[in-house]
Amino acid sequence: MTVSLPLVFVLGVVAWAAIKFLGVRLWVAVVIALFGFWLSQTFFAPAIESGTRTGVDIVNDPATR
């Protein structure tokens, strides 16, 4: 059975769990999210997107299991 989840949903669950169970303060999570938005406007964005896609492809590749 294949389940498809958007990466932003998975990251949101991780952020919620970090706030709830690890004691990360909400303002820290907001600053990290803002940093991600600002970083997406720099020349690093294509490299980050490519690395993320490669990582997701590696995780989803059935030949590696």
C-alpha atoms as a PDB file:
ATOM      1  CA  MET A   1       0.000   0.000   0.000  1.00  0.00           C
ATOM      2  CA  THR A   2       1.366   3.405  -0.971  1.00  0.00           C
ATOM      3  CA  VAL A   3       0.696   6.460   1.162  1.00  0.00           C
ATOM      4  CA  SER A   4       1.490   9.871  -0.258  1.00  0.00           C
ATOM      5  CA  LEU A   5       2.086  12.749   2.161  1.00  0.00           C
ATOM      6  CA  PRO A   6       3.272  16.232   1.310  1.00  0.00           C
ATOM      7  CA  LEU A   7       6.699  17.011   2.770  1.00  0.00           C
ATOM      8  CA  VAL A   8       5.348  20.189   4.364  1.00  0.00           C
ATOM      9  CA  PHE A   9       2.826  18.089   6.325  1.00  0.00           C
ATOM     10  CA  VAL A  10       5.556  15.759   7.582  1.00  0.00           C
ATOM     11  CA  LEU A  11       7.724  18.724   8.598  1.00  0.00           C
ATOM     12  CA  GLY A  12       4.727  20.300  10.335  1.00  0.00           C
ATOM     13  CA  VAL A  13       4.185  17.142  12.380  1.00  0.00           C
ATOM     14  CA  VAL A  14       7.876  17.080  13.296  1.00  0.00           C
ATOM     15  CA  ALA A  15       7.698  20.740  14.374  1.00  0.00           C
ATOM     16  CA  TRP A  16       4.570  20.099  16.438  1.00  0.00           C
ATOM     17  CA  ALA A  17       6.205  17.098  18.115  1.00  0.00           C
ATOM     18  CA  ALA A  18       9.333  19.129  18.877  1.00  0.00           C
ATOM     19  CA  ILE A  19       7.235  21.852  20.504  1.00  0.00           C
ATOM     20  CA  LYS A  20       5.036  19.403  22.387  1.00  0.00           C
ATOM     21  CA  PHE A  21       7.516  16.756  23.537  1.00  0.00           C
ATOM     22  CA  LEU A  22      11.013  18.271  23.322  1.00  0.00           C
ATOM     23  CA  GLY A  23      10.150  21.603  24.878  1.00  0.00           C
ATOM     24  CA  VAL A  24      11.140  23.703  21.863  1.00  0.00           C
ATOM     25  CA  ARG A  25       9.603  27.129  22.291  1.00  0.00           C
ATOM     26  CA  LEU A  26       7.091  28.299  19.706  1.00  0.00           C
ATOM     27  CA  TRP A  27       9.093  31.434  18.892  1.00  0.00           C
ATOM     28  CA  VAL A  28      12.118  29.271  18.028  1.00  0.00           C
ATOM     29  CA  ALA A  29      10.017  27.230  15.591  1.00  0.00           C
ATOM     30  CA  VAL A  30       8.696  30.458  14.026  1.00  0.00           C
ATOM     31  CA  VAL A  31      12.229  31.848  13.618  1.00  0.00           C
ATOM     32  CA  ILE A  32      13.363  28.611  11.979  1.00  0.00           C
ATOM     33  CA  ALA A  33      10.390  28.710   9.592  1.00  0.00           C
ATOM     34  CA  LEU A  34      11.106  32.342   8.700  1.00  0.00           C
ATOM     35  CA  PHE A  35      14.735  31.474   8.100  1.00  0.00           C
ATOM     36  CA  GLY A  36      13.572  28.806   5.638  1.00  0.00           C
ATOM     37  CA  PHE A  37      11.441  31.336   3.776  1.00  0.00           C
ATOM     38  CA  TRP A  38      14.304  33.825   3.609  1.00  0.00           C
ATOM     39  CA  LEU A  39      16.730  31.116   2.548  1.00  0.00           C
ATOM     40  CA  SER A  40      14.444  30.148  -0.327  1.00  0.00           C
ATOM     41  CA  GLN A  41      15.095  33.554  -1.891  1.00  0.00           C
ATOM     42  CA  THR A  42      18.876  33.061  -2.033  1.00  0.00           C
ATOM     43  CA  PHE A  43      21.173  31.257  -4.441  1.00  0.00           C
ATOM     44  CA  PHE A  44      21.125  28.248  -2.073  1.00  0.00           C
ATOM     45  CA  ALA A  45      17.497  27.432  -2.975  1.00  0.00           C
ATOM     46  CA  PRO A  46      18.208  25.280  -6.084  1.00  0.00           C
ATOM     47  CA  ALA A  47      20.793  23.208  -4.200  1.00  0.00           C
ATOM     48  CA  ILE A  48      18.434  22.699  -1.256  1.00  0.00           C
ATOM     49  CA  GLU A  49      15.564  21.699  -3.554  1.00  0.00           C
ATOM     50  CA  SER A  50      17.781  19.290  -5.487  1.00  0.00           C
ATOM     51  CA  GLY A  51      19.112  17.713  -2.301  1.00  0.00           C
ATOM     52  CA  THR A  52      15.614  17.356  -0.876  1.00  0.00           C
ATOM     53  CA  ARG A  53      14.308  15.734  -4.060  1.00  0.00           C
ATOM     54  CA  THR A  54      17.262  13.343  -4.147  1.00  0.00           C
ATOM     55  CA  GLY A  55      16.711  12.385  -0.515  1.00  0.00           C
ATOM     56  CA  VAL A  56      13.003  11.784  -1.074  1.00  0.00           C
ATOM     57  CA  ASP A  57      13.761   9.739  -4.196  1.00  0.00           C
ATOM     58  CA  ILE A  58      16.228   7.595  -2.236  1.00  0.00           C
ATOM     59  CA  VAL A  59      13.668   6.981   0.515  1.00  0.00           C
ATOM     60  CA  ASN A  60      10.890   6.203  -1.983  1.00  0.00           C
ATOM     61  CA  ASP A  61      12.945   4.007  -4.346  1.00  0.00           C
ATOM     62  CA  PRO A  62      11.622   0.459  -4.000  1.00  0.00           C
ATOM     63  CA  ALA A  63      14.860  -0.995  -5.417  1.00  0.00           C
ATOM     64  CA  THR A  64      16.801   0.071  -2.308  1.00  0.00           C
ATOM     65  CA  ARG A  65      14.598  -1.878   0.089  1.00  0.00           C
END
